[in-house]
Amino acid sequence: MLALKILAALIIVTGFVTVITAKKIVKRFGLDKRVKLENEHEMEAEAAEDYKTLIATVNVKRYGMLIALPGLVLTLIAFR
């Protein structure tokens, strides 16, 4: 059971670190440049870039929570 607890903690920490550092991850890998907007021509250039950064950050945070979710389930199993 100790191994399950350690594994759960590592998975949870990995997921939450991804969530906390989402903005740095987006900037480092240029993920905001890959976001495509349907109505980009209706927005100002600066507003469109901010919106792309926001969308990319939310996507990274969502993936971080998806990483942490199995760790939370494993925690429930390990501490039962």
PDB file of N, CA and C in Angstrom:
ATOM      1  N   MET A   1       0.806  -1.197   0.000  1.00  0.00           N
ATOM      2  CA  MET A   1       0.000   0.000   0.000  1.00  0.00           C
ATOM      3  C   MET A   1       0.853   1.266   0.000  1.00  0.00           C
ATOM      4  N   LEU A   2       2.037   1.169   0.561  1.00  0.00           N
ATOM      5  CA  LEU A   2       2.913   2.337   0.581  1.00  0.00           C
ATOM      6  C   LEU A   2       3.293   2.757  -0.838  1.00  0.00           C
ATOM      7  N   ALA A   3       3.515   1.783  -1.708  1.00  0.00           N
ATOM      8  CA  ALA A   3       3.864   2.095  -3.093  1.00  0.00           C
ATOM      9  C   ALA A   3       2.716   2.818  -3.789  1.00  0.00           C
ATOM     10  N   LEU A   4       1.473   2.419  -3.516  1.00  0.00           N
ATOM     11  CA  LEU A   4       0.319   3.095  -4.116  1.00  0.00           C
ATOM     12  C   LEU A   4       0.201   4.533  -3.623  1.00  0.00           C
ATOM     13  N   LYS A   5       0.492   4.745  -2.345  1.00  0.00           N
ATOM     14  CA  LYS A   5       0.422   6.094  -1.788  1.00  0.00           C
ATOM     15  C   LYS A   5       1.476   7.002  -2.411  1.00  0.00           C
ATOM     16  N   ILE A   6       2.676   6.471  -2.589  1.00  0.00           N
ATOM     17  CA  ILE A   6       3.758   7.253  -3.195  1.00  0.00           C
ATOM     18  C   ILE A   6       3.440   7.551  -4.652  1.00  0.00           C
ATOM     19  N   LEU A   7       2.954   6.544  -5.374  1.00  0.00           N
ATOM     20  CA  LEU A   7       2.595   6.738  -6.778  1.00  0.00           C
ATOM     21  C   LEU A   7       1.469   7.760  -6.917  1.00  0.00           C
ATOM     22  N   ALA A   8       0.477   7.689  -6.067  1.00  0.00           N
ATOM     23  CA  ALA A   8      -0.630   8.651  -6.098  1.00  0.00           C
ATOM     24  C   ALA A   8      -0.130  10.064  -5.829  1.00  0.00           C
ATOM     25  N   ALA A   9       0.757  10.206  -4.866  1.00  0.00           N
ATOM     26  CA  ALA A   9       1.299  11.530  -4.554  1.00  0.00           C
ATOM     27  C   ALA A   9       2.089  12.096  -5.728  1.00  0.00           C
ATOM     28  N   LEU A  10       2.884  11.270  -6.378  1.00  0.00           N
ATOM     29  CA  LEU A  10       3.664  11.741  -7.534  1.00  0.00           C
ATOM     30  C   LEU A  10       2.765  12.172  -8.684  1.00  0.00           C
ATOM     31  N   ILE A  11       1.711  11.410  -8.941  1.00  0.00           N
ATOM     32  CA  ILE A  11       0.793  11.756 -10.022  1.00  0.00           C
ATOM     33  C   ILE A  11       0.055  13.056  -9.704  1.00  0.00           C
ATOM     34  N   ILE A  12      -0.388  13.201  -8.465  1.00  0.00           N
ATOM     35  CA  ILE A  12      -1.099  14.421  -8.065  1.00  0.00           C
ATOM     36  C   ILE A  12      -0.185  15.638  -8.145  1.00  0.00           C
ATOM     37  N   VAL A  13       1.029  15.502  -7.652  1.00  0.00           N
ATOM     38  CA  VAL A  13       1.974  16.627  -7.691  1.00  0.00           C
ATOM     39  C   VAL A  13       2.290  17.013  -9.131  1.00  0.00           C
ATOM     40  N   THR A  14       2.481  16.038  -9.995  1.00  0.00           N
ATOM     41  CA  THR A  14       2.749  16.324 -11.403  1.00  0.00           C
ATOM     42  C   THR A  14       1.596  17.094 -12.036  1.00  0.00           C
ATOM     43  N   GLY A  15       0.387  16.660 -11.772  1.00  0.00           N
ATOM     44  CA  GLY A  15      -0.781  17.337 -12.328  1.00  0.00           C
ATOM     45  C   GLY A  15      -0.926  18.752 -11.819  1.00  0.00           C
ATOM     46  N   PHE A  16      -0.767  18.943 -10.519  1.00  0.00           N
ATOM     47  CA  PHE A  16      -0.944  20.276  -9.963  1.00  0.00           C
ATOM     48  C   PHE A  16       0.204  21.223 -10.326  1.00  0.00           C
ATOM     49  N   VAL A  17       1.394  20.706 -10.493  1.00  0.00           N
ATOM     50  CA  VAL A  17       2.499  21.553 -10.970  1.00  0.00           C
ATOM     51  C   VAL A  17       2.218  22.006 -12.399  1.00  0.00           C
ATOM     52  N   THR A  18       1.640  21.125 -13.199  1.00  0.00           N
ATOM     53  CA  THR A  18       1.259  21.499 -14.563  1.00  0.00           C
ATOM     54  C   THR A  18       0.216  22.611 -14.534  1.00  0.00           C
ATOM     55  N   VAL A  19      -0.740  22.517 -13.637  1.00  0.00           N
ATOM     56  CA  VAL A  19      -1.777  23.545 -13.529  1.00  0.00           C
ATOM     57  C   VAL A  19      -1.176  24.867 -13.069  1.00  0.00           C
ATOM     58  N   ILE A  20      -0.315  24.823 -12.074  1.00  0.00           N
ATOM     59  CA  ILE A  20       0.258  26.057 -11.524  1.00  0.00           C
ATOM     60  C   ILE A  20       1.169  26.763 -12.531  1.00  0.00           C
ATOM     61  N   THR A  21       1.924  26.003 -13.301  1.00  0.00           N
ATOM     62  CA  THR A  21       2.875  26.604 -14.246  1.00  0.00           C
ATOM     63  C   THR A  21       2.326  26.666 -15.668  1.00  0.00           C
ATOM     64  N   ALA A  22       1.028  26.669 -15.818  1.00  0.00           N
ATOM     65  CA  ALA A  22       0.409  26.622 -17.145  1.00  0.00           C
ATOM     66  C   ALA A  22       0.823  27.811 -18.019  1.00  0.00           C
ATOM     67  N   LYS A  23       0.840  28.988 -17.463  1.00  0.00           N
ATOM     68  CA  LYS A  23       1.178  30.175 -18.268  1.00  0.00           C
ATOM     69  C   LYS A  23       2.626  30.117 -18.765  1.00  0.00           C
ATOM     70  N   LYS A  24       3.535  29.648 -17.913  1.00  0.00           N
ATOM     71  CA  LYS A  24       4.931  29.513 -18.325  1.00  0.00           C
ATOM     72  C   LYS A  24       5.081  28.445 -19.411  1.00  0.00           C
ATOM     73  N   ILE A  25       4.321  27.365 -19.291  1.00  0.00           N
ATOM     74  CA  ILE A  25       4.358  26.301 -20.299  1.00  0.00           C
ATOM     75  C   ILE A  25       3.868  26.825 -21.643  1.00  0.00           C
ATOM     76  N   VAL A  26       2.797  27.616 -21.618  1.00  0.00           N
ATOM     77  CA  VAL A  26       2.252  28.180 -22.860  1.00  0.00           C
ATOM     78  C   VAL A  26       3.271  29.091 -23.521  1.00  0.00           C
ATOM     79  N   LYS A  27       3.909  29.943 -22.754  1.00  0.00           N
ATOM     80  CA  LYS A  27       4.895  30.869 -23.317  1.00  0.00           C
ATOM     81  C   LYS A  27       6.143  30.134 -23.815  1.00  0.00           C
ATOM     82  N   ARG A  28       6.605  29.147 -23.046  1.00  0.00           N
ATOM     83  CA  ARG A  28       7.840  28.449 -23.404  1.00  0.00           C
ATOM     84  C   ARG A  28       7.702  27.656 -24.704  1.00  0.00           C
ATOM     85  N   PHE A  29       6.580  26.987 -24.876  1.00  0.00           N
ATOM     86  CA  PHE A  29       6.397  26.145 -26.051  1.00  0.00           C
ATOM     87  C   PHE A  29       5.601  26.826 -27.159  1.00  0.00           C
ATOM     88  N   GLY A  30       5.195  28.062 -26.967  1.00  0.00           N
ATOM     89  CA  GLY A  30       4.485  28.801 -28.007  1.00  0.00           C
ATOM     90  C   GLY A  30       3.127  28.215 -28.353  1.00  0.00           C
ATOM     91  N   LEU A  31       2.447  27.692 -27.363  1.00  0.00           N
ATOM     92  CA  LEU A  31       1.156  27.060 -27.607  1.00  0.00           C
ATOM     93  C   LEU A  31       0.075  28.060 -27.995  1.00  0.00           C
ATOM     94  N   ASP A  32       0.266  29.325 -27.621  1.00  0.00           N
ATOM     95  CA  ASP A  32      -0.722  30.337 -27.992  1.00  0.00           C
ATOM     96  C   ASP A  32      -0.700  30.633 -29.489  1.00  0.00           C
ATOM     97  N   LYS A  33       0.387  30.348 -30.150  1.00  0.00           N
ATOM     98  CA  LYS A  33       0.478  30.574 -31.603  1.00  0.00           C
ATOM     99  C   LYS A  33      -0.304  29.517 -32.379  1.00  0.00           C
ATOM    100  N   ARG A  34      -0.562  28.366 -31.749  1.00  0.00           N
ATOM    101  CA  ARG A  34      -1.264  27.272 -32.432  1.00  0.00           C
ATOM    102  C   ARG A  34      -2.776  27.368 -32.327  1.00  0.00           C
ATOM    103  N   VAL A  35      -3.273  28.260 -31.476  1.00  0.00           N
ATOM    104  CA  VAL A  35      -4.718  28.404 -31.283  1.00  0.00           C
ATOM    105  C   VAL A  35      -5.290  29.175 -32.462  1.00  0.00           C
ATOM    106  N   LYS A  36      -6.368  28.633 -33.038  1.00  0.00           N
ATOM    107  CA  LYS A  36      -7.027  29.297 -34.164  1.00  0.00           C
ATOM    108  C   LYS A  36      -8.382  29.815 -33.698  1.00  0.00           C
ATOM    109  N   LEU A  37      -8.665  31.060 -34.028  1.00  0.00           N
ATOM    110  CA  LEU A  37      -9.925  31.693 -33.657  1.00  0.00           C
ATOM    111  C   LEU A  37     -10.804  31.824 -34.887  1.00  0.00           C
ATOM    112  N   GLU A  38     -12.106  31.625 -34.709  1.00  0.00           N
ATOM    113  CA  GLU A  38     -13.031  31.748 -35.844  1.00  0.00           C
ATOM    114  C   GLU A  38     -13.227  33.208 -36.245  1.00  0.00           C
ATOM    115  N   ASN A  39     -13.358  34.085 -35.276  1.00  0.00           N
ATOM    116  CA  ASN A  39     -13.644  35.493 -35.560  1.00  0.00           C
ATOM    117  C   ASN A  39     -12.469  36.390 -35.221  1.00  0.00           C
ATOM    118  N   GLU A  40     -11.295  35.968 -35.604  1.00  0.00           N
ATOM    119  CA  GLU A  40     -10.093  36.741 -35.267  1.00  0.00           C
ATOM    120  C   GLU A  40     -10.067  38.082 -35.994  1.00  0.00           C
ATOM    121  N   HIS A  41     -10.615  38.140 -37.181  1.00  0.00           N
ATOM    122  CA  HIS A  41     -10.578  39.384 -37.946  1.00  0.00           C
ATOM    123  C   HIS A  41     -11.482  40.463 -37.343  1.00  0.00           C
ATOM    124  N   GLU A  42     -12.412  40.083 -36.467  1.00  0.00           N
ATOM    125  CA  GLU A  42     -13.291  41.044 -35.817  1.00  0.00           C
ATOM    126  C   GLU A  42     -12.676  41.651 -34.567  1.00  0.00           C
ATOM    127  N   MET A  43     -11.581  41.075 -34.082  1.00  0.00           N
ATOM    128  CA  MET A  43     -10.944  41.552 -32.853  1.00  0.00           C
ATOM    129  C   MET A  43      -9.707  42.372 -33.197  1.00  0.00           C
ATOM    130  N   GLU A  44      -9.329  43.213 -32.251  1.00  0.00           N
ATOM    131  CA  GLU A  44      -8.068  43.935 -32.409  1.00  0.00           C
ATOM    132  C   GLU A  44      -6.921  42.944 -32.227  1.00  0.00           C
ATOM    133  N   ALA A  45      -5.762  43.272 -32.740  1.00  0.00           N
ATOM    134  CA  ALA A  45      -4.623  42.352 -32.717  1.00  0.00           C
ATOM    135  C   ALA A  45      -4.204  42.007 -31.285  1.00  0.00           C
ATOM    136  N   GLU A  46      -4.134  43.007 -30.423  1.00  0.00           N
ATOM    137  CA  GLU A  46      -3.710  42.765 -29.042  1.00  0.00           C
ATOM    138  C   GLU A  46      -4.745  41.928 -28.281  1.00  0.00           C
ATOM    139  N   ALA A  47      -6.014  42.216 -28.500  1.00  0.00           N
ATOM    140  CA  ALA A  47      -7.078  41.453 -27.836  1.00  0.00           C
ATOM    141  C   ALA A  47      -7.086  40.006 -28.321  1.00  0.00           C
ATOM    142  N   ALA A  48      -6.811  39.802 -29.605  1.00  0.00           N
ATOM    143  CA  ALA A  48      -6.777  38.452 -30.160  1.00  0.00           C
ATOM    144  C   ALA A  48      -5.615  37.655 -29.566  1.00  0.00           C
ATOM    145  N   GLU A  49      -4.460  38.292 -29.401  1.00  0.00           N
ATOM    146  CA  GLU A  49      -3.308  37.599 -28.807  1.00  0.00           C
ATOM    147  C   GLU A  49      -3.573  37.248 -27.344  1.00  0.00           C
ATOM    148  N   ASP A  50      -4.187  38.171 -26.613  1.00  0.00           N
ATOM    149  CA  ASP A  50      -4.533  37.885 -25.209  1.00  0.00           C
ATOM    150  C   ASP A  50      -5.529  36.737 -25.113  1.00  0.00           C
ATOM    151  N   TYR A  51      -6.494  36.725 -26.011  1.00  0.00           N
ATOM    152  CA  TYR A  51      -7.500  35.669 -26.007  1.00  0.00           C
ATOM    153  C   TYR A  51      -6.879  34.315 -26.364  1.00  0.00           C
ATOM    154  N   LYS A  52      -5.964  34.305 -27.320  1.00  0.00           N
ATOM    155  CA  LYS A  52      -5.269  33.066 -27.680  1.00  0.00           C
ATOM    156  C   LYS A  52      -4.449  32.532 -26.502  1.00  0.00           C
ATOM    157  N   THR A  53      -3.778  33.438 -25.799  1.00  0.00           N
ATOM    158  CA  THR A  53      -3.005  33.034 -24.627  1.00  0.00           C
ATOM    159  C   THR A  53      -3.924  32.466 -23.550  1.00  0.00           C
ATOM    160  N   LEU A  54      -5.066  33.090 -23.349  1.00  0.00           N
ATOM    161  CA  LEU A  54      -6.022  32.614 -22.362  1.00  0.00           C
ATOM    162  C   LEU A  54      -6.551  31.223 -22.715  1.00  0.00           C
ATOM    163  N   ILE A  55      -6.907  31.015 -23.966  1.00  0.00           N
ATOM    164  CA  ILE A  55      -7.424  29.719 -24.401  1.00  0.00           C
ATOM    165  C   ILE A  55      -6.357  28.636 -24.242  1.00  0.00           C
ATOM    166  N   ALA A  56      -5.117  28.933 -24.631  1.00  0.00           N
ATOM    167  CA  ALA A  56      -4.043  27.951 -24.503  1.00  0.00           C
ATOM    168  C   ALA A  56      -3.756  27.641 -23.035  1.00  0.00           C
ATOM    169  N   THR A  57      -3.814  28.644 -22.179  1.00  0.00           N
ATOM    170  CA  THR A  57      -3.582  28.431 -20.749  1.00  0.00           C
ATOM    171  C   THR A  57      -4.678  27.561 -20.140  1.00  0.00           C
ATOM    172  N   VAL A  58      -5.913  27.809 -20.512  1.00  0.00           N
ATOM    173  CA  VAL A  58      -7.023  26.995 -20.011  1.00  0.00           C
ATOM    174  C   VAL A  58      -6.879  25.552 -20.473  1.00  0.00           C
ATOM    175  N   ASN A  59      -6.451  25.353 -21.718  1.00  0.00           N
ATOM    176  CA  ASN A  59      -6.247  23.988 -22.221  1.00  0.00           C
ATOM    177  C   ASN A  59      -5.155  23.257 -21.438  1.00  0.00           C
ATOM    178  N   VAL A  60      -4.063  23.937 -21.141  1.00  0.00           N
ATOM    179  CA  VAL A  60      -2.984  23.313 -20.378  1.00  0.00           C
ATOM    180  C   VAL A  60      -3.452  22.997 -18.957  1.00  0.00           C
ATOM    181  N   LYS A  61      -4.217  23.897 -18.361  1.00  0.00           N
ATOM    182  CA  LYS A  61      -4.741  23.639 -17.018  1.00  0.00           C
ATOM    183  C   LYS A  61      -5.701  22.455 -17.027  1.00  0.00           C
ATOM    184  N   ARG A  62      -6.488  22.333 -18.086  1.00  0.00           N
ATOM    185  CA  ARG A  62      -7.401  21.197 -18.199  1.00  0.00           C
ATOM    186  C   ARG A  62      -6.619  19.892 -18.288  1.00  0.00           C
ATOM    187  N   TYR A  63      -5.555  19.882 -19.069  1.00  0.00           N
ATOM    188  CA  TYR A  63      -4.723  18.678 -19.173  1.00  0.00           C
ATOM    189  C   TYR A  63      -4.047  18.361 -17.843  1.00  0.00           C
ATOM    190  N   GLY A  64      -3.641  19.383 -17.111  1.00  0.00           N
ATOM    191  CA  GLY A  64      -3.041  19.173 -15.798  1.00  0.00           C
ATOM    192  C   GLY A  64      -4.018  18.532 -14.825  1.00  0.00           C
ATOM    193  N   MET A  65      -5.262  18.972 -14.867  1.00  0.00           N
ATOM    194  CA  MET A  65      -6.270  18.364 -13.998  1.00  0.00           C
ATOM    195  C   MET A  65      -6.570  16.931 -14.427  1.00  0.00           C
ATOM    196  N   LEU A  66      -6.518  16.666 -15.733  1.00  0.00           N
ATOM    197  CA  LEU A  66      -6.707  15.293 -16.206  1.00  0.00           C
ATOM    198  C   LEU A  66      -5.547  14.395 -15.783  1.00  0.00           C
ATOM    199  N   ILE A  67      -4.365  14.975 -15.630  1.00  0.00           N
ATOM    200  CA  ILE A  67      -3.216  14.208 -15.126  1.00  0.00           C
ATOM    201  C   ILE A  67      -3.410  13.909 -13.644  1.00  0.00           C
ATOM    202  N   ALA A  68      -3.918  14.881 -12.895  1.00  0.00           N
ATOM    203  CA  ALA A  68      -4.069  14.716 -11.447  1.00  0.00           C
ATOM    204  C   ALA A  68      -5.242  13.812 -11.075  1.00  0.00           C
ATOM    205  N   LEU A  69      -6.236  13.695 -11.930  1.00  0.00           N
ATOM    206  CA  LEU A  69      -7.432  12.928 -11.604  1.00  0.00           C
ATOM    207  C   LEU A  69      -7.150  11.458 -11.274  1.00  0.00           C
ATOM    208  N   PRO A  70      -6.347  10.728 -12.051  1.00  0.00           N
ATOM    209  CA  PRO A  70      -6.057   9.342 -11.651  1.00  0.00           C
ATOM    210  C   PRO A  70      -5.330   9.248 -10.313  1.00  0.00           C
ATOM    211  N   GLY A  71      -4.527  10.234  -9.999  1.00  0.00           N
ATOM    212  CA  GLY A  71      -3.859  10.256  -8.702  1.00  0.00           C
ATOM    213  C   GLY A  71      -4.848  10.428  -7.563  1.00  0.00           C
ATOM    214  N   LEU A  72      -5.859  11.242  -7.781  1.00  0.00           N
ATOM    215  CA  LEU A  72      -6.884  11.414  -6.757  1.00  0.00           C
ATOM    216  C   LEU A  72      -7.688  10.131  -6.553  1.00  0.00           C
ATOM    217  N   VAL A  73      -8.005   9.457  -7.653  1.00  0.00           N
ATOM    218  CA  VAL A  73      -8.721   8.182  -7.544  1.00  0.00           C
ATOM    219  C   VAL A  73      -7.844   7.146  -6.851  1.00  0.00           C
ATOM    220  N   LEU A  74      -6.590   7.121  -7.196  1.00  0.00           N
ATOM    221  CA  LEU A  74      -5.656   6.189  -6.563  1.00  0.00           C
ATOM    222  C   LEU A  74      -5.498   6.493  -5.070  1.00  0.00           C
ATOM    223  N   THR A  75      -5.563   7.752  -4.707  1.00  0.00           N
ATOM    224  CA  THR A  75      -5.512   8.131  -3.290  1.00  0.00           C
ATOM    225  C   THR A  75      -6.723   7.581  -2.534  1.00  0.00           C
ATOM    226  N   LEU A  76      -7.879   7.690  -3.152  1.00  0.00           N
ATOM    227  CA  LEU A  76      -9.084   7.147  -2.527  1.00  0.00           C
ATOM    228  C   LEU A  76      -8.968   5.637  -2.321  1.00  0.00           C
ATOM    229  N   ILE A  77      -8.364   4.949  -3.281  1.00  0.00           N
ATOM    230  CA  ILE A  77      -8.195   3.504  -3.174  1.00  0.00           C
ATOM    231  C   ILE A  77      -7.139   3.163  -2.132  1.00  0.00           C
ATOM    232  N   ALA A  78      -6.028   3.891  -2.126  1.00  0.00           N
ATOM    233  CA  ALA A  78      -4.913   3.556  -1.248  1.00  0.00           C
ATOM    234  C   ALA A  78      -5.218   3.828   0.229  1.00  0.00           C
ATOM    235  N   PHE A  79      -5.982   4.863   0.511  1.00  0.00           N
ATOM    236  CA  PHE A  79      -6.255   5.203   1.902  1.00  0.00           C
ATOM    237  C   PHE A  79      -7.568   4.618   2.418  1.00  0.00           C
ATOM    238  N   ARG A  80      -8.127   3.705   1.713  1.00  0.00           N
ATOM    239  CA  ARG A  80      -9.379   3.083   2.138  1.00  0.00           C
ATOM    240  C   ARG A  80      -9.180   2.087   3.228  1.00  0.00           C
TER     241      ARG A  80
END
